C-alpha atoms as a PDB file:
ATOM      1  CA  MET A   1       0.000   0.000   0.000  1.00  0.00           C
ATOM      2  CA  PRO A   2       1.631   3.202  -1.134  1.00  0.00           C
ATOM      3  CA  GLY A   3       2.084   6.325   0.927  1.00  0.00           C
ATOM      4  CA  LYS A   4       1.111   7.204   4.478  1.00  0.00           C
ATOM      5  CA  ILE A   5      -2.248   6.704   6.080  1.00  0.00           C
ATOM      6  CA  SER A   6      -3.649   7.563   9.469  1.00  0.00           C
ATOM      7  CA  SER A   7      -2.298   5.630  12.449  1.00  0.00           C
ATOM      8  CA  GLY A   8      -5.722   4.123  13.176  1.00  0.00           C
ATOM      9  CA  VAL A   9      -6.143   2.786   9.653  1.00  0.00           C
ATOM     10  CA  LYS A  10      -2.533   1.582   9.588  1.00  0.00           C
ATOM     11  CA  ALA A  11      -2.965  -0.300  12.867  1.00  0.00           C
ATOM     12  CA  ALA A  12      -6.154  -1.945  11.640  1.00  0.00           C
ATOM     13  CA  TRP A  13      -4.482  -3.162   8.481  1.00  0.00           C
ATOM     14  CA  CYS A  14      -1.488  -4.432  10.402  1.00  0.00           C
ATOM     15  CA  ARG A  15      -3.851  -6.589  12.467  1.00  0.00           C
ATOM     16  CA  ILE A  16      -5.547  -7.839   9.315  1.00  0.00           C
ATOM     17  CA  ALA A  17      -2.224  -8.648   7.667  1.00  0.00           C
ATOM     18  CA  LEU A  18      -1.194 -10.635  10.735  1.00  0.00           C
ATOM     19  CA  VAL A  19      -4.418 -12.662  10.693  1.00  0.00           C
ATOM     20  CA  MET A  20      -4.111 -13.202   6.942  1.00  0.00           C
ATOM     21  CA  GLY A  21      -0.610 -14.549   7.443  1.00  0.00           C
ATOM     22  CA  LEU A  22      -1.851 -16.904  10.120  1.00  0.00           C
ATOM     23  CA  MET A  23      -4.649 -18.011   7.812  1.00  0.00           C
ATOM     24  CA  ALA A  24      -2.126 -18.891   5.137  1.00  0.00           C
ATOM     25  CA  GLY A  25      -0.399 -21.106   7.691  1.00  0.00           C
ATOM     26  CA  TRP A  26      -3.694 -22.677   8.695  1.00  0.00           C
ATOM     27  CA  GLY A  27      -4.371 -23.409   5.036  1.00  0.00           C
ATOM     28  CA  ALA A  28      -1.113 -25.321   4.752  1.00  0.00           C
ATOM     29  CA  VAL A  29      -1.867 -27.261   7.916  1.00  0.00           C
ATOM     30  CA  ALA A  30      -5.391 -28.036   6.726  1.00  0.00           C
ATOM     31  CA  GLY A  31      -4.009 -29.362   3.452  1.00  0.00           C
ATOM     32  CA  ASP A  32      -1.793 -31.819   5.326  1.00  0.00           C
ATOM     33  CA  ALA A  33      -4.592 -33.151   7.553  1.00  0.00           C
ATOM     34  CA  PRO A  34      -5.558 -36.829   7.160  1.00  0.00           C
ATOM     35  CA  LEU A  35      -8.495 -37.184   4.816  1.00  0.00           C
ATOM     36  CA  HIS A  36     -10.237 -39.713   7.010  1.00  0.00           C
ATOM     37  CA  GLU A  37     -10.864 -37.019   9.623  1.00  0.00           C
ATOM     38  CA  ALA A  38     -14.106 -36.125   7.853  1.00  0.00           C
ATOM     39  CA  GLY A  39     -16.325 -36.083  10.949  1.00  0.00           C
ATOM     40  CA  ASP A  40     -19.962 -35.802   9.921  1.00  0.00           C
ATOM     41  CA  TYR A  41     -19.177 -35.389   6.221  1.00  0.00           C
ATOM     42  CA  ARG A  42     -21.783 -37.179   4.098  1.00  0.00           C
ATOM     43  CA  LEU A  43     -20.601 -39.186   1.136  1.00  0.00           C
ATOM     44  CA  GLY A  44     -21.785 -38.288  -2.330  1.00  0.00           C
ATOM     45  CA  PRO A  45     -21.314 -38.908  -6.048  1.00  0.00           C
ATOM     46  CA  GLY A  46     -17.716 -38.506  -7.188  1.00  0.00           C
ATOM     47  CA  ASP A  47     -16.140 -39.205  -3.798  1.00  0.00           C
ATOM     48  CA  VAL A  48     -13.450 -41.884  -3.819  1.00  0.00           C
ATOM     49  CA  VAL A  49     -13.474 -44.253  -0.836  1.00  0.00           C
ATOM     50  CA  ARG A  50     -11.073 -46.924   0.393  1.00  0.00           C
ATOM     51  CA  ILE A  51     -12.855 -49.874   1.985  1.00  0.00           C
ATOM     52  CA  SER A  52     -11.227 -52.666   3.954  1.00  0.00           C
ATOM     53  CA  VAL A  53     -12.445 -55.551   6.095  1.00  0.00           C
ATOM     54  CA  PHE A  54     -10.305 -56.657   9.021  1.00  0.00           C
ATOM     55  CA  ASN A  55      -8.602 -60.015   8.334  1.00  0.00           C
ATOM     56  CA  TYR A  56      -9.944 -60.114   4.746  1.00  0.00           C
ATOM     57  CA  PRO A  57      -7.339 -58.273   2.621  1.00  0.00           C
ATOM     58  CA  GLU A  58      -8.818 -59.710  -0.563  1.00  0.00           C
ATOM     59  CA  LEU A  59     -11.908 -57.536   0.015  1.00  0.00           C
ATOM     60  CA  ALA A  60      -9.975 -54.258   0.142  1.00  0.00           C
ATOM     61  CA  ILE A  61     -10.961 -51.879  -2.666  1.00  0.00           C
ATOM     62  CA  GLU A  62     -10.762 -48.220  -3.639  1.00  0.00           C
ATOM     63  CA  THR A  63     -13.750 -47.080  -5.655  1.00  0.00           C
ATOM     64  CA  ARG A  64     -15.629 -43.977  -6.753  1.00  0.00           C
ATOM     65  CA  ILE A  65     -19.229 -43.464  -5.679  1.00  0.00           C
ATOM     66  CA  SER A  66     -21.526 -43.419  -8.701  1.00  0.00           C
ATOM     67  CA  GLN A  67     -23.937 -40.627  -9.615  1.00  0.00           C
ATOM     68  CA  THR A  68     -26.711 -42.692  -8.020  1.00  0.00           C
ATOM     69  CA  GLY A  69     -24.776 -42.948  -4.733  1.00  0.00           C
ATOM     70  CA  ASN A  70     -23.813 -46.611  -5.147  1.00  0.00           C
ATOM     71  CA  ILE A  71     -20.608 -48.629  -5.026  1.00  0.00           C
ATOM     72  CA  THR A  72     -19.999 -52.196  -6.116  1.00  0.00           C
ATOM     73  CA  PHE A  73     -18.424 -54.270  -3.338  1.00  0.00           C
ATOM     74  CA  PRO A  74     -17.033 -57.810  -3.605  1.00  0.00           C
ATOM     75  CA  LEU A  75     -19.519 -60.545  -2.653  1.00  0.00           C
ATOM     76  CA  THR A  76     -22.431 -58.186  -1.986  1.00  0.00           C
ATOM     77  CA  GLY A  77     -22.685 -56.334  -5.278  1.00  0.00           C
ATOM     78  CA  PRO A  78     -24.129 -52.783  -5.390  1.00  0.00           C
ATOM     79  CA  ILE A  79     -24.519 -50.973  -2.053  1.00  0.00           C
ATOM     80  CA  ALA A  80     -26.023 -47.500  -1.635  1.00  0.00           C
ATOM     81  CA  ILE A  81     -23.768 -45.354   0.550  1.00  0.00           C
ATOM     82  CA  GLY A  82     -24.572 -41.913  -0.848  1.00  0.00           C
ATOM     83  CA  ASP A  83     -25.588 -39.370   1.818  1.00  0.00           C
ATOM     84  CA  LEU A  84     -24.164 -41.576   4.609  1.00  0.00           C
ATOM     85  CA  THR A  85     -21.272 -40.695   6.877  1.00  0.00           C
ATOM     86  CA  ALA A  86     -18.210 -42.955   6.695  1.00  0.00           C
ATOM     87  CA  ALA A  87     -19.297 -44.625   9.949  1.00  0.00           C
ATOM     88  CA  GLU A  88     -22.804 -45.239   8.614  1.00  0.00           C
ATOM     89  CA  ALA A  89     -21.361 -46.663   5.385  1.00  0.00           C
ATOM     90  CA  GLU A  90     -19.189 -49.020   7.436  1.00  0.00           C
ATOM     91  CA  GLY A  91     -22.296 -50.256   9.225  1.00  0.00           C
ATOM     92  CA  ARG A  92     -24.255 -50.736   6.012  1.00  0.00           C
ATOM     93  CA  ILE A  93     -21.478 -52.715   4.309  1.00  0.00           C
ATOM     94  CA  ALA A  94     -20.966 -54.854   7.421  1.00  0.00           C
ATOM     95  CA  GLY A  95     -24.711 -55.518   7.524  1.00  0.00           C
ATOM     96  CA  LYS A  96     -24.716 -56.680   3.901  1.00  0.00           C
ATOM     97  CA  LEU A  97     -21.812 -59.051   4.585  1.00  0.00           C
ATOM     98  CA  ARG A  98     -23.624 -60.517   7.599  1.00  0.00           C
ATOM     99  CA  GLN A  99     -27.004 -60.809   5.866  1.00  0.00           C
ATOM    100  CA  GLY A 100     -25.445 -62.615   2.917  1.00  0.00           C
ATOM    101  CA  GLY A 101     -23.778 -65.114   5.227  1.00  0.00           C
ATOM    102  CA  TYR A 102     -20.312 -64.158   3.993  1.00  0.00           C
ATOM    103  CA  ILE A 103     -18.744 -62.978   7.278  1.00  0.00           C
ATOM    104  CA  SER A 104     -20.357 -63.442  10.667  1.00  0.00           C
ATOM    105  CA  ASP A 105     -18.745 -60.475  12.432  1.00  0.00           C
ATOM    106  CA  PRO A 106     -17.209 -58.131   9.857  1.00  0.00           C
ATOM    107  CA  HIS A 107     -15.173 -55.081  10.933  1.00  0.00           C
ATOM    108  CA  VAL A 108     -15.341 -52.650   8.040  1.00  0.00           C
ATOM    109  CA  THR A 109     -13.371 -49.421   7.620  1.00  0.00           C
ATOM    110  CA  VAL A 110     -14.331 -46.704   5.123  1.00  0.00           C
ATOM    111  CA  VAL A 111     -11.870 -43.875   4.413  1.00  0.00           C
ATOM    112  CA  VAL A 112     -12.552 -41.010   2.021  1.00  0.00           C
ATOM    113  CA  SER A 113      -9.453 -40.600  -0.157  1.00  0.00           C
ATOM    114  CA  GLN A 114     -10.875 -37.910  -2.461  1.00  0.00           C
ATOM    115  CA  PHE A 115     -13.633 -35.472  -1.632  1.00  0.00           C
ATOM    116  CA  LYS A 116     -15.552 -34.456  -4.747  1.00  0.00           C
ATOM    117  CA  ALA A 117     -19.228 -34.445  -3.885  1.00  0.00           C
ATOM    118  CA  ARG A 118     -19.486 -31.238  -1.873  1.00  0.00           C
ATOM    119  CA  GLU A 119     -17.293 -28.360  -2.925  1.00  0.00           C
ATOM    120  CA  VAL A 120     -17.181 -24.616  -2.448  1.00  0.00           C
ATOM    121  CA  ALA A 121     -15.534 -22.345  -5.000  1.00  0.00           C
ATOM    122  CA  VAL A 122     -13.186 -19.729  -3.525  1.00  0.00           C
ATOM    123  CA  MET A 123     -12.361 -17.084  -6.098  1.00  0.00           C
ATOM    124  CA  GLY A 124     -10.754 -13.672  -6.432  1.00  0.00           C
ATOM    125  CA  GLN A 125      -7.971 -12.263  -4.293  1.00  0.00           C
ATOM    126  CA  VAL A 126      -6.874 -15.429  -2.466  1.00  0.00           C
ATOM    127  CA  ARG A 127      -3.532 -17.186  -2.756  1.00  0.00           C
ATOM    128  CA  ASN A 128      -4.902 -20.371  -4.333  1.00  0.00           C
ATOM    129  CA  PRO A 129      -8.281 -19.853  -6.057  1.00  0.00           C
ATOM    130  CA  GLY A 130     -10.224 -23.006  -6.834  1.00  0.00           C
ATOM    131  CA  LYS A 131     -12.800 -25.477  -5.592  1.00  0.00           C
ATOM    132  CA  TYR A 132     -12.377 -26.906  -2.108  1.00  0.00           C
ATOM    133  CA  PRO A 133     -14.222 -29.823  -0.498  1.00  0.00           C
ATOM    134  CA  ILE A 134     -16.363 -29.443   2.576  1.00  0.00           C
ATOM    135  CA  GLU A 135     -14.762 -32.152   4.668  1.00  0.00           C
ATOM    136  CA  ARG A 136     -16.664 -31.286   7.825  1.00  0.00           C
ATOM    137  CA  GLN A 137     -18.940 -28.502   9.056  1.00  0.00           C
ATOM    138  CA  SER A 138     -17.156 -25.589   7.377  1.00  0.00           C
ATOM    139  CA  ARG A 139     -17.458 -21.816   7.583  1.00  0.00           C
ATOM    140  CA  VAL A 140     -16.210 -18.860   5.561  1.00  0.00           C
ATOM    141  CA  LEU A 141     -12.969 -18.624   7.537  1.00  0.00           C
ATOM    142  CA  ASP A 142     -12.261 -22.329   6.961  1.00  0.00           C
ATOM    143  CA  MET A 143     -12.623 -21.895   3.201  1.00  0.00           C
ATOM    144  CA  LEU A 144     -10.377 -18.822   3.131  1.00  0.00           C
ATOM    145  CA  ALA A 145      -7.759 -20.759   5.074  1.00  0.00           C
ATOM    146  CA  ALA A 146      -8.051 -23.706   2.668  1.00  0.00           C
ATOM    147  CA  ALA A 147      -7.387 -21.292  -0.212  1.00  0.00           C
ATOM    148  CA  GLY A 148      -4.218 -20.023   1.484  1.00  0.00           C
ATOM    149  CA  GLY A 149      -5.670 -16.814   2.881  1.00  0.00           C
ATOM    150  CA  VAL A 150      -6.423 -13.533   1.158  1.00  0.00           C
ATOM    151  CA  THR A 151      -3.736 -11.508  -0.584  1.00  0.00           C
ATOM    152  CA  THR A 152      -3.101  -8.501   1.615  1.00  0.00           C
ATOM    153  CA  ALA A 153      -1.878  -6.248  -1.179  1.00  0.00           C
ATOM    154  CA  ASP A 154      -4.862  -6.616  -3.490  1.00  0.00           C
ATOM    155  CA  ALA A 155      -7.860  -7.867  -1.504  1.00  0.00           C
ATOM    156  CA  GLY A 156     -10.762  -5.659  -0.567  1.00  0.00           C
ATOM    157  CA  ASP A 157     -12.162  -5.525   2.949  1.00  0.00           C
ATOM    158  CA  THR A 158     -15.392  -7.326   2.051  1.00  0.00           C
ATOM    159  CA  ALA A 159     -16.173 -10.657   0.414  1.00  0.00           C
ATOM    160  CA  THR A 160     -19.337 -12.003  -1.187  1.00  0.00           C
ATOM    161  CA  LEU A 161     -20.795 -15.416  -0.397  1.00  0.00           C
ATOM    162  CA  LEU A 162     -23.086 -16.467  -3.237  1.00  0.00           C
ATOM    163  CA  ARG A 163     -25.307 -19.337  -2.168  1.00  0.00           C
ATOM    164  CA  ALA A 164     -26.253 -22.130  -4.536  1.00  0.00           C
ATOM    165  CA  ASN A 165     -29.871 -20.929  -4.251  1.00  0.00           C
ATOM    166  CA  GLY A 166     -28.935 -17.419  -5.419  1.00  0.00           C
ATOM    167  CA  GLU A 167     -28.858 -15.769  -1.996  1.00  0.00           C
ATOM    168  CA  LYS A 168     -26.011 -13.282  -1.623  1.00  0.00           C
ATOM    169  CA  LEU A 169     -24.256 -12.401   1.644  1.00  0.00           C
ATOM    170  CA  VAL A 170     -21.677  -9.639   2.076  1.00  0.00           C
ATOM    171  CA  ILE A 171     -18.922 -10.598   4.528  1.00  0.00           C
ATOM    172  CA  ASP A 172     -17.089  -7.844   6.404  1.00  0.00           C
ATOM    173  CA  LEU A 173     -13.522  -9.208   6.413  1.00  0.00           C
ATOM    174  CA  ASN A 174     -12.348  -6.703   9.022  1.00  0.00           C
ATOM    175  CA  ALA A 175     -15.023  -7.902  11.447  1.00  0.00           C
ATOM    176  CA  LEU A 176     -14.432 -11.554  10.493  1.00  0.00           C
ATOM    177  CA  PHE A 177     -10.727 -11.376  11.322  1.00  0.00           C
ATOM    178  CA  GLU A 178     -11.544  -9.658  14.601  1.00  0.00           C
ATOM    179  CA  GLY A 179     -13.656 -12.665  15.616  1.00  0.00           C
ATOM    180  CA  SER A 180     -17.212 -11.708  14.673  1.00  0.00           C
ATOM    181  CA  ALA A 181     -19.257 -14.925  14.550  1.00  0.00           C
ATOM    182  CA  GLY A 182     -21.939 -13.138  12.537  1.00  0.00           C
ATOM    183  CA  GLN A 183     -19.477 -12.659   9.669  1.00  0.00           C
ATOM    184  CA  ASN A 184     -18.481 -16.339   9.618  1.00  0.00           C
ATOM    185  CA  PRO A 185     -21.542 -18.243   8.349  1.00  0.00           C
ATOM    186  CA  GLU A 186     -21.536 -21.904   7.407  1.00  0.00           C
ATOM    187  CA  VAL A 187     -20.936 -22.744   3.771  1.00  0.00           C
ATOM    188  CA  ALA A 188     -22.743 -25.413   1.781  1.00  0.00           C
ATOM    189  CA  ALA A 189     -22.168 -27.413  -1.390  1.00  0.00           C
ATOM    190  CA  GLY A 190     -22.325 -25.256  -4.491  1.00  0.00           C
ATOM    191  CA  ASP A 191     -21.588 -21.972  -2.695  1.00  0.00           C
ATOM    192  CA  THR A 192     -19.091 -19.499  -4.160  1.00  0.00           C
ATOM    193  CA  LEU A 193     -16.962 -17.219  -1.993  1.00  0.00           C
ATOM    194  CA  PHE A 194     -15.528 -14.236  -3.876  1.00  0.00           C
ATOM    195  CA  VAL A 195     -12.930 -11.796  -2.544  1.00  0.00           C
ATOM    196  CA  PRO A 196     -12.796  -8.772  -4.874  1.00  0.00           C
ATOM    197  CA  LYS A 197      -9.880  -6.471  -5.536  1.00  0.00           C
ATOM    198  CA  ALA A 198      -9.672  -3.501  -3.216  1.00  0.00           C
ATOM    199  CA  PRO A 199     -11.315  -0.374  -4.631  1.00  0.00           C
ATOM    200  CA  GLN A 200      -9.022   2.372  -5.880  1.00  0.00           C
ATOM    201  CA  PHE A 201      -9.012   6.135  -6.215  1.00  0.00           C
ATOM    202  CA  TYR A 202      -6.829   8.350  -8.368  1.00  0.00           C
ATOM    203  CA  VAL A 203      -5.029  11.519  -7.386  1.00  0.00           C
ATOM    204  CA  TYR A 204      -3.165  13.993  -9.546  1.00  0.00           C
ATOM    205  CA  GLY A 205      -2.147  17.615  -9.591  1.00  0.00           C
ATOM    206  CA  GLU A 206      -0.071  19.200  -6.833  1.00  0.00           C
ATOM    207  CA  VAL A 207       0.837  16.060  -4.852  1.00  0.00           C
ATOM    208  CA  GLN A 208       4.215  14.393  -4.456  1.00  0.00           C
ATOM    209  CA  ARG A 209       3.258  11.027  -5.966  1.00  0.00           C
ATOM    210  CA  PRO A 210       0.288  11.210  -8.358  1.00  0.00           C
ATOM    211  CA  GLY A 211      -1.279   7.870  -9.287  1.00  0.00           C
ATOM    212  CA  ALA A 212      -3.743   5.164  -8.294  1.00  0.00           C
ATOM    213  CA  TYR A 213      -4.062   4.161  -4.639  1.00  0.00           C
ATOM    214  CA  ARG A 214      -5.989   1.679  -2.566  1.00  0.00           C
ATOM    215  CA  LEU A 215      -9.143   3.196  -1.126  1.00  0.00           C
ATOM    216  CA  GLN A 216      -9.402   2.429   2.576  1.00  0.00           C
ATOM    217  CA  ARG A 217     -12.818   2.263   4.172  1.00  0.00           C
ATOM    218  CA  GLY A 218     -14.019   5.764   5.079  1.00  0.00           C
ATOM    219  CA  MET A 219     -10.946   7.397   3.532  1.00  0.00           C
ATOM    220  CA  THR A 220     -11.085  11.198   3.381  1.00  0.00           C
ATOM    221  CA  VAL A 221      -9.469  13.694   1.041  1.00  0.00           C
ATOM    222  CA  SER A 222      -6.889  14.559   3.702  1.00  0.00           C
ATOM    223  CA  GLN A 223      -5.921  10.892   4.098  1.00  0.00           C
ATOM    224  CA  ALA A 224      -5.728  10.497   0.323  1.00  0.00           C
ATOM    225  CA  ILE A 225      -3.330  13.431   0.089  1.00  0.00           C
ATOM    226  CA  SER A 226      -1.183  11.766   2.769  1.00  0.00           C
ATOM    227  CA  ALA A 227      -1.198   8.481   0.835  1.00  0.00           C
ATOM    228  CA  ALA A 228       0.096  10.365  -2.195  1.00  0.00           C
ATOM    229  CA  GLY A 229       3.037  11.769  -0.239  1.00  0.00           C
ATOM    230  CA  GLY A 230       1.507  15.102   0.677  1.00  0.00           C
ATOM    231  CA  LEU A 231       1.225  18.345  -1.225  1.00  0.00           C
ATOM    232  CA  THR A 232       3.951  19.877  -3.340  1.00  0.00           C
ATOM    233  CA  PRO A 233       5.339  23.240  -2.171  1.00  0.00           C
ATOM    234  CA  ARG A 234       2.913  24.939  -4.547  1.00  0.00           C
ATOM    235  CA  GLY A 235      -0.102  22.788  -3.706  1.00  0.00           C
ATOM    236  CA  THR A 236      -3.076  23.631  -1.506  1.00  0.00           C
ATOM    237  CA  ASP A 237      -5.993  21.731   0.018  1.00  0.00           C
ATOM    238  CA  THR A 238      -7.913  24.839   1.080  1.00  0.00           C
ATOM    239  CA  TRP A 239      -8.109  27.453  -1.646  1.00  0.00           C
ATOM    240  CA  PRO A 240      -8.645  26.855  -4.415  1.00  0.00           C
ATOM    241  CA  ALA A 241     -10.404  23.814  -3.025  1.00  0.00           C
ATOM    242  CA  PRO A 242      -9.654  20.247  -4.160  1.00  0.00           C
ATOM    243  CA  ILE A 243     -11.876  18.814  -6.887  1.00  0.00           C
ATOM    244  CA  VAL A 244     -13.341  15.321  -6.934  1.00  0.00           C
ATOM    245  CA  LYS A 245     -14.451  13.895 -10.273  1.00  0.00           C
ATOM    246  CA  ARG A 246     -17.021  11.111 -10.028  1.00  0.00           C
ATOM    247  CA  ARG A 247     -19.216   9.324 -12.534  1.00  0.00           C
ATOM    248  CA  ASP A 248     -22.929   9.137 -11.769  1.00  0.00           C
ATOM    249  CA  ALA A 249     -25.235   6.171 -12.398  1.00  0.00           C
ATOM    250  CA  ASN A 250     -25.462   7.126 -16.074  1.00  0.00           C
ATOM    251  CA  GLY A 251     -21.695   7.302 -16.507  1.00  0.00           C
ATOM    252  CA  VAL A 252     -21.614  11.089 -16.679  1.00  0.00           C
ATOM    253  CA  GLU A 253     -18.614  12.637 -14.937  1.00  0.00           C
ATOM    254  CA  ARG A 254     -19.445  15.270 -12.321  1.00  0.00           C
ATOM    255  CA  GLU A 255     -17.029  17.627 -10.586  1.00  0.00           C
ATOM    256  CA  THR A 256     -17.415  18.683  -6.939  1.00  0.00           C
ATOM    257  CA  THR A 257     -15.262  21.036  -4.893  1.00  0.00           C
ATOM    258  CA  VAL A 258     -14.532  19.450  -1.512  1.00  0.00           C
ATOM    259  CA  ASP A 259     -12.648  19.924   1.739  1.00  0.00           C
ATOM    260  CA  GLY A 260     -10.292  17.637   3.640  1.00  0.00           C
ATOM    261  CA  SER A 261     -13.080  15.778   5.460  1.00  0.00           C
ATOM    262  CA  TYR A 262     -14.860  14.693   2.284  1.00  0.00           C
ATOM    263  CA  ALA A 263     -15.172  10.879   2.016  1.00  0.00           C
ATOM    264  CA  LEU A 264     -13.959   9.364  -1.221  1.00  0.00           C
ATOM    265  CA  GLN A 265     -15.687   6.579  -3.129  1.00  0.00           C
ATOM    266  CA  PRO A 266     -14.286   3.875  -5.431  1.00  0.00           C
ATOM    267  CA  ASP A 267     -12.851   5.219  -8.710  1.00  0.00           C
ATOM    268  CA  ASP A 268     -13.000   8.844  -7.600  1.00  0.00           C
ATOM    269  CA  VAL A 269     -10.422  11.151  -9.200  1.00  0.00           C
ATOM    270  CA  LEU A 270      -8.987  13.720  -6.799  1.00  0.00           C
ATOM    271  CA  TYR A 271      -7.343  16.838  -8.231  1.00  0.00           C
ATOM    272  CA  LEU A 272      -5.205  19.124  -6.056  1.00  0.00           C
ATOM    273  CA  ARG A 273      -4.682  22.597  -7.422  1.00  0.00           C
ATOM    274  CA  GLU A 274      -1.901  25.120  -7.230  1.00  0.00           C
ATOM    275  CA  ARG A 275      -2.373  27.882  -4.674  1.00  0.00           C
ATOM    276  CA  TRP A 276      -2.877  31.344  -6.005  1.00  0.00           C
ATOM    277  CA  PHE A 277      -0.449  33.131  -3.676  1.00  0.00           C
END
C-alpha cells in the first residue's frame, strides 16, 4: 500500500495482515490433515473411498461413488452409501456381509481418499483460487484458510458469499478477522466465496506522488493526500479547493469542490490545485 495513512487505519491493516498470514499457515496445515478425519461429512457422487475388512485383505478396494450414490463391493454387489457418513457406510457394508452369510462379524473401515461431492468455490484475491471440499462442518474462515488466505496487497475488505440458491451475503472481512461470529456463516455445497480487488481512487495535480491508490474504508481527502506523499510546495488543500471527479449512475462525470473531510468513493479522481499566492 503506497504512501502514508492515518495511524488508526494503519494499525487496523497491520492486524488484518497478521491474521491473513496466520490463515495462510492454517491453510497449509489443513491441506496436510488426514483425509479420514471427515467427521460428519456425508458421502456423495464422485467421492473416492477406500474400503477394507479386518482379516480379509482380498476384500480391500478403492472405488468412486456413482452418480446414483452406489458402489460395487465384492460378494455383496451394489450398495447404496450416498448421503451416509463414513461410519454409517461401514455399518451398512458390514450388515450386507452378515445378511449374505459371507462374514459373521465383519469389521469394516471406510476412508474417504478424495472429496468431490461437496465443494465450495473460492475465487478472487486469495492465494490459491479453486474449488475446495467441505470435509466437515465448514465456515467462511475455513474456506479462506483452505485457499491459502487472502492476498493482503490486493484484496478488498469485504467478500461475497453467493449461495447455490442465489442468496447473496456480504462478509465484512475486518469484522471476520476480529472474531465476529456473525461474519463467519456456514458454507454449503455449491456456494461461491468471492474476494474482490480492493477499490481504488486516483489523485493527480499538486501532490508528491500522483497515481492510483488503494481506497481504505471511510478514507477522506486529507488521508488520500497523505497516501500520495503530501502536497507539493505549490499545492493547496484549502483554496482553491480540491476537486473530486465522479461518474454518476449514467456514466456522466461530475465535478465537486470538496474539503479535507470529504469521504472518497471507489474510482474517484482527486485533483489538487496550485495555490494562487
